[in-house]
N, C-alpha and C. Protein backbone atom coordinates (compact mmCIF):
# COMPACT_ATOMS: atom_id res chain seq x y z
N MET A 1 -8.56 0.12 -12.06
CA MET A 1 -8.05 -1.22 -11.87
C MET A 1 -6.64 -1.18 -11.30
N ARG A 2 -5.78 -0.26 -11.80
CA ARG A 2 -4.42 -0.19 -11.29
C ARG A 2 -4.39 0.12 -9.80
N LEU A 3 -5.34 0.91 -9.33
CA LEU A 3 -5.37 1.27 -7.91
C LEU A 3 -5.60 0.05 -7.02
N ALA A 4 -6.29 -0.94 -7.54
CA ALA A 4 -6.60 -2.12 -6.73
C ALA A 4 -5.45 -3.11 -6.66
N LEU A 5 -4.40 -2.92 -7.44
CA LEU A 5 -3.30 -3.88 -7.45
C LEU A 5 -2.53 -3.92 -6.13
N ALA A 6 -2.34 -2.79 -5.47
CA ALA A 6 -1.61 -2.78 -4.20
C ALA A 6 -2.37 -3.55 -3.11
N PRO A 7 -3.68 -3.28 -2.90
CA PRO A 7 -4.41 -4.10 -1.92
C PRO A 7 -4.49 -5.58 -2.32
N LEU A 8 -4.60 -5.85 -3.61
CA LEU A 8 -4.63 -7.26 -4.04
C LEU A 8 -3.31 -7.95 -3.74
N SER A 9 -2.20 -7.26 -3.97
CA SER A 9 -0.91 -7.86 -3.66
C SER A 9 -0.76 -8.07 -2.15
N ALA A 10 -1.30 -7.16 -1.35
CA ALA A 10 -1.27 -7.32 0.11
C ALA A 10 -2.13 -8.51 0.53
N ALA A 11 -3.28 -8.70 -0.14
CA ALA A 11 -4.14 -9.84 0.19
C ALA A 11 -3.45 -11.16 -0.13
N VAL A 12 -2.67 -11.18 -1.19
CA VAL A 12 -1.92 -12.39 -1.54
C VAL A 12 -0.85 -12.67 -0.50
N CYS A 13 -0.34 -11.64 0.14
CA CYS A 13 0.72 -11.80 1.13
C CYS A 13 0.24 -12.45 2.43
N VAL A 14 -1.05 -12.39 2.73
CA VAL A 14 -1.55 -12.94 3.99
C VAL A 14 -1.29 -14.45 4.07
N PRO A 15 -1.74 -15.26 3.10
CA PRO A 15 -1.43 -16.69 3.20
C PRO A 15 0.06 -16.98 3.03
N ILE A 16 0.76 -16.16 2.26
CA ILE A 16 2.20 -16.37 2.10
C ILE A 16 2.91 -16.13 3.42
N ALA A 17 2.50 -15.10 4.15
CA ALA A 17 3.11 -14.84 5.47
C ALA A 17 2.84 -15.98 6.43
N ALA A 18 1.64 -16.53 6.40
CA ALA A 18 1.32 -17.68 7.26
C ALA A 18 2.17 -18.89 6.87
N LEU A 19 2.35 -19.12 5.59
CA LEU A 19 3.17 -20.24 5.13
C LEU A 19 4.62 -20.07 5.55
N VAL A 20 5.16 -18.87 5.39
CA VAL A 20 6.54 -18.61 5.80
C VAL A 20 6.69 -18.78 7.31
N ALA A 21 5.72 -18.30 8.07
CA ALA A 21 5.76 -18.47 9.52
C ALA A 21 5.74 -19.94 9.90
N TRP A 22 4.92 -20.72 9.21
CA TRP A 22 4.86 -22.16 9.47
C TRP A 22 6.20 -22.82 9.16
N LEU A 23 6.80 -22.45 8.03
CA LEU A 23 8.09 -23.02 7.65
C LEU A 23 9.20 -22.65 8.63
N LEU A 24 9.12 -21.45 9.19
CA LEU A 24 10.15 -20.99 10.13
C LEU A 24 9.84 -21.35 11.58
N GLY A 25 8.68 -21.92 11.81
CA GLY A 25 8.30 -22.30 13.18
C GLY A 25 7.80 -21.13 14.01
N ALA A 26 7.40 -20.06 13.37
CA ALA A 26 6.87 -18.89 14.09
C ALA A 26 5.36 -19.05 14.24
N ASP A 27 4.75 -18.12 14.94
CA ASP A 27 3.31 -18.16 15.18
C ASP A 27 2.56 -17.81 13.89
N ILE A 28 1.81 -18.78 13.39
CA ILE A 28 1.11 -18.61 12.12
C ILE A 28 0.00 -17.56 12.22
N ALA A 29 -0.76 -17.62 13.31
CA ALA A 29 -1.88 -16.69 13.48
C ALA A 29 -1.39 -15.24 13.57
N MET A 30 -0.31 -15.02 14.30
CA MET A 30 0.20 -13.65 14.44
C MET A 30 0.83 -13.14 13.14
N ALA A 31 1.42 -14.05 12.38
CA ALA A 31 1.94 -13.65 11.06
C ALA A 31 0.77 -13.25 10.16
N ALA A 32 -0.32 -14.00 10.23
CA ALA A 32 -1.50 -13.65 9.43
C ALA A 32 -2.10 -12.33 9.90
N VAL A 33 -2.09 -12.08 11.21
CA VAL A 33 -2.59 -10.81 11.74
C VAL A 33 -1.72 -9.66 11.23
N GLY A 34 -0.41 -9.82 11.29
CA GLY A 34 0.49 -8.76 10.80
C GLY A 34 0.30 -8.49 9.32
N ALA A 35 0.19 -9.55 8.52
CA ALA A 35 -0.05 -9.36 7.09
C ALA A 35 -1.43 -8.75 6.86
N GLY A 36 -2.40 -9.13 7.70
CA GLY A 36 -3.73 -8.52 7.61
C GLY A 36 -3.69 -7.02 7.88
N LEU A 37 -2.81 -6.61 8.80
CA LEU A 37 -2.64 -5.17 9.04
C LEU A 37 -2.02 -4.49 7.83
N GLY A 38 -1.13 -5.18 7.13
CA GLY A 38 -0.60 -4.64 5.88
C GLY A 38 -1.69 -4.46 4.84
N LEU A 39 -2.59 -5.43 4.78
CA LEU A 39 -3.74 -5.33 3.87
C LEU A 39 -4.64 -4.18 4.28
N LEU A 40 -4.89 -4.04 5.58
CA LEU A 40 -5.71 -2.93 6.06
C LEU A 40 -5.08 -1.59 5.69
N TYR A 41 -3.77 -1.47 5.83
CA TYR A 41 -3.07 -0.24 5.47
C TYR A 41 -3.28 0.07 3.98
N ALA A 42 -3.13 -0.95 3.12
CA ALA A 42 -3.29 -0.74 1.69
C ALA A 42 -4.73 -0.33 1.35
N LEU A 43 -5.70 -0.92 2.04
CA LEU A 43 -7.10 -0.55 1.80
C LEU A 43 -7.40 0.87 2.28
N LEU A 44 -6.85 1.25 3.43
CA LEU A 44 -7.02 2.62 3.92
C LEU A 44 -6.37 3.62 2.97
N GLU A 45 -5.21 3.25 2.41
CA GLU A 45 -4.54 4.12 1.45
C GLU A 45 -5.37 4.29 0.19
N LEU A 46 -5.96 3.19 -0.28
CA LEU A 46 -6.82 3.27 -1.46
C LEU A 46 -8.05 4.14 -1.18
N GLY A 47 -8.65 3.96 -0.02
CA GLY A 47 -9.81 4.78 0.34
C GLY A 47 -9.47 6.26 0.43
N THR A 48 -8.31 6.56 1.01
CA THR A 48 -7.85 7.95 1.09
C THR A 48 -7.66 8.53 -0.30
N HIS A 49 -7.06 7.75 -1.17
CA HIS A 49 -6.83 8.23 -2.54
C HIS A 49 -8.15 8.52 -3.25
N LEU A 50 -9.10 7.61 -3.12
CA LEU A 50 -10.39 7.80 -3.78
C LEU A 50 -11.14 9.01 -3.24
N LEU A 51 -11.01 9.26 -1.93
CA LEU A 51 -11.64 10.46 -1.36
C LEU A 51 -10.93 11.74 -1.81
N ALA A 52 -9.61 11.68 -1.91
CA ALA A 52 -8.84 12.87 -2.25
C ALA A 52 -9.06 13.35 -3.68
N VAL A 53 -9.26 12.42 -4.61
CA VAL A 53 -9.40 12.83 -6.00
C VAL A 53 -10.77 13.40 -6.32
N ARG A 54 -11.70 13.34 -5.39
CA ARG A 54 -13.06 13.79 -5.66
C ARG A 54 -13.34 15.21 -5.16
N GLY A 55 -12.34 15.92 -4.73
CA GLY A 55 -12.59 17.25 -4.20
C GLY A 55 -11.67 18.29 -4.78
N SER A 56 -11.72 19.45 -4.18
CA SER A 56 -10.86 20.55 -4.60
C SER A 56 -9.42 20.24 -4.21
N PHE A 57 -8.50 21.09 -4.66
CA PHE A 57 -7.10 20.89 -4.35
C PHE A 57 -6.85 20.95 -2.84
N GLY A 58 -7.44 21.94 -2.18
CA GLY A 58 -7.26 22.08 -0.74
C GLY A 58 -7.81 20.89 0.03
N ARG A 59 -8.97 20.41 -0.41
CA ARG A 59 -9.56 19.24 0.25
C ARG A 59 -8.70 18.02 0.00
N SER A 60 -8.15 17.91 -1.19
CA SER A 60 -7.29 16.77 -1.50
C SER A 60 -6.05 16.74 -0.62
N ILE A 61 -5.46 17.91 -0.39
CA ILE A 61 -4.29 18.00 0.48
C ILE A 61 -4.68 17.60 1.91
N ALA A 62 -5.80 18.12 2.39
CA ALA A 62 -6.25 17.80 3.75
C ALA A 62 -6.54 16.32 3.90
N VAL A 63 -7.22 15.73 2.93
CA VAL A 63 -7.54 14.30 2.99
C VAL A 63 -6.25 13.48 2.92
N GLY A 64 -5.31 13.89 2.08
CA GLY A 64 -4.06 13.16 1.96
C GLY A 64 -3.26 13.16 3.24
N VAL A 65 -3.09 14.33 3.83
CA VAL A 65 -2.32 14.45 5.08
C VAL A 65 -3.07 13.79 6.23
N GLY A 66 -4.36 14.05 6.33
CA GLY A 66 -5.16 13.43 7.39
C GLY A 66 -5.22 11.92 7.25
N GLY A 67 -5.35 11.45 6.01
CA GLY A 67 -5.39 10.01 5.78
C GLY A 67 -4.08 9.34 6.14
N MET A 68 -2.97 10.01 5.87
CA MET A 68 -1.67 9.46 6.24
C MET A 68 -1.58 9.31 7.76
N ALA A 69 -2.00 10.34 8.49
CA ALA A 69 -1.96 10.29 9.95
C ALA A 69 -2.88 9.20 10.49
N VAL A 70 -4.08 9.10 9.93
CA VAL A 70 -5.03 8.08 10.40
C VAL A 70 -4.51 6.67 10.13
N ARG A 71 -3.95 6.45 8.93
CA ARG A 71 -3.40 5.12 8.61
C ARG A 71 -2.32 4.73 9.60
N MET A 72 -1.39 5.64 9.86
CA MET A 72 -0.31 5.32 10.78
C MET A 72 -0.83 5.09 12.19
N LEU A 73 -1.79 5.91 12.63
CA LEU A 73 -2.36 5.76 13.96
C LEU A 73 -3.05 4.40 14.11
N VAL A 74 -3.84 4.01 13.13
CA VAL A 74 -4.56 2.74 13.18
C VAL A 74 -3.57 1.57 13.25
N ILE A 75 -2.56 1.57 12.40
CA ILE A 75 -1.61 0.46 12.35
C ILE A 75 -0.77 0.42 13.62
N LEU A 76 -0.26 1.57 14.05
CA LEU A 76 0.56 1.58 15.27
C LEU A 76 -0.25 1.19 16.50
N ALA A 77 -1.50 1.62 16.57
CA ALA A 77 -2.35 1.22 17.70
C ALA A 77 -2.61 -0.29 17.67
N ALA A 78 -2.86 -0.82 16.49
CA ALA A 78 -3.10 -2.27 16.39
C ALA A 78 -1.85 -3.06 16.75
N LEU A 79 -0.69 -2.61 16.29
CA LEU A 79 0.55 -3.30 16.65
C LEU A 79 0.86 -3.16 18.14
N ALA A 80 0.50 -2.03 18.74
CA ALA A 80 0.69 -1.86 20.18
C ALA A 80 -0.21 -2.82 20.95
N VAL A 81 -1.44 -2.98 20.51
CA VAL A 81 -2.35 -3.94 21.16
C VAL A 81 -1.81 -5.36 21.02
N VAL A 82 -1.34 -5.70 19.83
CA VAL A 82 -0.74 -7.03 19.63
C VAL A 82 0.45 -7.20 20.57
N GLY A 83 1.28 -6.17 20.69
CA GLY A 83 2.44 -6.25 21.57
C GLY A 83 2.08 -6.40 23.04
N LEU A 84 0.99 -5.78 23.46
CA LEU A 84 0.58 -5.88 24.86
C LEU A 84 -0.10 -7.21 25.19
N LEU A 85 -0.73 -7.81 24.20
CA LEU A 85 -1.52 -9.03 24.47
C LEU A 85 -0.81 -10.33 24.10
N THR A 86 0.34 -10.26 23.50
CA THR A 86 1.01 -11.48 23.05
C THR A 86 2.45 -11.53 23.54
N THR A 87 3.11 -12.64 23.26
CA THR A 87 4.51 -12.79 23.65
C THR A 87 5.40 -12.04 22.68
N ARG A 88 6.69 -11.95 23.03
CA ARG A 88 7.64 -11.26 22.15
C ARG A 88 7.73 -11.93 20.79
N GLU A 89 7.76 -13.26 20.78
CA GLU A 89 7.88 -13.99 19.52
C GLU A 89 6.66 -13.77 18.64
N GLN A 90 5.48 -13.75 19.24
CA GLN A 90 4.26 -13.52 18.47
C GLN A 90 4.22 -12.09 17.92
N THR A 91 4.65 -11.13 18.75
CA THR A 91 4.69 -9.74 18.31
C THR A 91 5.68 -9.58 17.17
N LEU A 92 6.84 -10.22 17.29
CA LEU A 92 7.83 -10.15 16.22
C LEU A 92 7.29 -10.73 14.92
N ALA A 93 6.58 -11.85 15.01
CA ALA A 93 5.99 -12.46 13.81
C ALA A 93 5.00 -11.50 13.15
N ALA A 94 4.18 -10.83 13.96
CA ALA A 94 3.20 -9.89 13.41
C ALA A 94 3.89 -8.68 12.78
N ILE A 95 4.90 -8.15 13.44
CA ILE A 95 5.59 -6.97 12.91
C ILE A 95 6.32 -7.30 11.62
N LEU A 96 7.02 -8.42 11.59
CA LEU A 96 7.74 -8.80 10.37
C LEU A 96 6.79 -9.06 9.20
N ALA A 97 5.65 -9.70 9.49
CA ALA A 97 4.67 -9.94 8.43
C ALA A 97 4.08 -8.62 7.94
N PHE A 98 3.83 -7.68 8.85
CA PHE A 98 3.32 -6.37 8.43
C PHE A 98 4.34 -5.66 7.54
N VAL A 99 5.59 -5.63 7.97
CA VAL A 99 6.63 -4.94 7.20
C VAL A 99 6.79 -5.58 5.82
N GLY A 100 6.76 -6.90 5.75
CA GLY A 100 6.87 -7.57 4.46
C GLY A 100 5.70 -7.26 3.55
N THR A 101 4.49 -7.32 4.09
CA THR A 101 3.29 -7.03 3.30
C THR A 101 3.26 -5.57 2.86
N PHE A 102 3.61 -4.66 3.77
CA PHE A 102 3.67 -3.25 3.44
C PHE A 102 4.68 -3.00 2.32
N THR A 103 5.83 -3.65 2.39
CA THR A 103 6.87 -3.47 1.38
C THR A 103 6.39 -3.95 0.01
N VAL A 104 5.74 -5.09 -0.03
CA VAL A 104 5.24 -5.62 -1.30
C VAL A 104 4.18 -4.69 -1.88
N SER A 105 3.21 -4.26 -1.06
CA SER A 105 2.15 -3.40 -1.59
C SER A 105 2.70 -2.04 -2.02
N LEU A 106 3.69 -1.51 -1.29
CA LEU A 106 4.30 -0.25 -1.69
C LEU A 106 5.05 -0.41 -3.01
N ALA A 107 5.77 -1.50 -3.16
CA ALA A 107 6.51 -1.74 -4.41
C ALA A 107 5.55 -1.86 -5.59
N VAL A 108 4.45 -2.55 -5.39
CA VAL A 108 3.46 -2.70 -6.47
C VAL A 108 2.85 -1.33 -6.79
N ARG A 109 2.52 -0.57 -5.76
CA ARG A 109 1.93 0.75 -6.00
C ARG A 109 2.90 1.65 -6.76
N LEU A 110 4.16 1.65 -6.38
CA LEU A 110 5.14 2.46 -7.09
C LEU A 110 5.37 1.97 -8.50
N ALA A 111 5.31 0.66 -8.71
CA ALA A 111 5.55 0.10 -10.04
C ALA A 111 4.44 0.44 -11.02
N VAL A 112 3.21 0.57 -10.55
CA VAL A 112 2.10 0.83 -11.46
C VAL A 112 1.75 2.32 -11.56
N THR A 113 2.43 3.17 -10.80
CA THR A 113 2.17 4.60 -10.85
C THR A 113 3.20 5.24 -11.78
N PRO A 114 2.75 5.91 -12.83
CA PRO A 114 3.70 6.54 -13.74
C PRO A 114 4.43 7.69 -13.05
N SER A 115 5.70 7.79 -13.32
CA SER A 115 6.52 8.84 -12.72
C SER A 115 6.62 10.02 -13.68
N THR A 116 6.15 11.16 -13.26
CA THR A 116 6.28 12.35 -14.09
C THR A 116 7.66 12.97 -13.96
N LEU A 117 8.41 12.60 -12.94
CA LEU A 117 9.75 13.15 -12.76
C LEU A 117 10.72 12.63 -13.80
N HIS A 118 10.52 11.41 -14.24
CA HIS A 118 11.44 10.78 -15.19
C HIS A 118 10.82 10.61 -16.57
N GLY A 119 9.81 11.39 -16.85
CA GLY A 119 9.20 11.35 -18.17
C GLY A 119 8.25 10.18 -18.35
N GLY A 120 7.84 9.54 -17.28
CA GLY A 120 6.93 8.41 -17.39
C GLY A 120 5.53 8.85 -17.77
N SER A 121 4.80 7.98 -18.41
CA SER A 121 3.44 8.30 -18.80
C SER A 121 2.63 7.03 -18.86
N ASP A 122 1.31 7.19 -18.99
CA ASP A 122 0.47 6.01 -19.14
C ASP A 122 0.43 5.60 -20.61
N ALA A 123 -0.40 4.64 -20.94
CA ALA A 123 -0.43 4.10 -22.29
C ALA A 123 -0.81 5.15 -23.34
N SER A 124 -1.55 6.18 -22.94
CA SER A 124 -1.96 7.20 -23.91
C SER A 124 -0.92 8.31 -24.07
N GLY A 125 0.20 8.22 -23.34
CA GLY A 125 1.23 9.24 -23.44
C GLY A 125 1.02 10.40 -22.48
N HIS A 126 0.03 10.29 -21.60
CA HIS A 126 -0.24 11.35 -20.63
C HIS A 126 0.41 11.02 -19.30
N ALA A 127 0.90 12.02 -18.62
CA ALA A 127 1.39 11.84 -17.26
C ALA A 127 0.19 11.61 -16.36
N ALA A 128 0.45 11.10 -15.18
CA ALA A 128 -0.65 10.85 -14.24
C ALA A 128 -1.39 12.15 -13.97
N GLY A 129 -2.63 12.24 -14.35
CA GLY A 129 -3.45 13.42 -14.12
C GLY A 129 -3.26 14.54 -15.11
N ALA A 130 -2.39 14.39 -16.08
CA ALA A 130 -2.13 15.47 -17.04
C ALA A 130 -3.13 15.41 -18.18
N THR A 131 -3.37 16.55 -18.81
CA THR A 131 -4.30 16.59 -19.93
C THR A 131 -3.57 16.59 -21.27
N ALA A 132 -2.30 16.95 -21.27
CA ALA A 132 -1.53 16.96 -22.52
C ALA A 132 -0.49 15.85 -22.47
N PRO A 133 -0.17 15.24 -23.60
CA PRO A 133 0.82 14.18 -23.60
C PRO A 133 2.19 14.70 -23.21
N LEU A 134 2.94 13.87 -22.49
CA LEU A 134 4.32 14.22 -22.14
C LEU A 134 5.20 14.20 -23.38
N ILE A 135 4.94 13.25 -24.25
CA ILE A 135 5.73 13.11 -25.47
C ILE A 135 4.84 13.52 -26.64
N PRO A 136 5.24 14.54 -27.39
CA PRO A 136 4.40 14.94 -28.52
C PRO A 136 4.20 13.78 -29.49
N PRO A 137 3.02 13.67 -30.07
CA PRO A 137 2.73 12.54 -30.96
C PRO A 137 3.72 12.41 -32.12
N GLU A 138 4.25 13.52 -32.61
CA GLU A 138 5.17 13.42 -33.75
C GLU A 138 6.53 12.83 -33.34
N ARG A 139 6.79 12.72 -32.05
CA ARG A 139 8.08 12.19 -31.60
C ARG A 139 7.97 10.74 -31.13
N THR A 140 6.81 10.14 -31.28
CA THR A 140 6.64 8.74 -30.85
C THR A 140 6.76 7.82 -32.05
N ARG A 141 7.17 6.60 -31.76
CA ARG A 141 7.27 5.58 -32.81
C ARG A 141 5.93 4.92 -32.99
N HIS A 142 5.60 4.62 -34.21
CA HIS A 142 4.34 3.94 -34.47
C HIS A 142 4.59 2.61 -35.12
């Protein structure tokens, strides 16, 4: 469920981006397209994650690096097509909406991912992917 929060937050950003574009007098459709690209990025990231956790360590690394390259290629190609087919103002609306949506989904993803660097853990006291609790049970408050 936590993995779906980043794409869900990106999906919420699509109508918000259109509303902000309308309020600012920018192109509503291009703002929605840009936010839609942010949603597509979040969905591709989720798909990459789900593929990576189902294999060996080497396969996970390959899927992670390859998925990162594919996500960036897809988004940059789509933004290039938008830039070639639309006016400067429309392209700017799409790019700003993408950056805003990407920022929101990244912030949500980082907020719901426990940090093992700073002693973070999930509700059971385990670090992300760890089998032993980060905090020994005798040192926790009950």
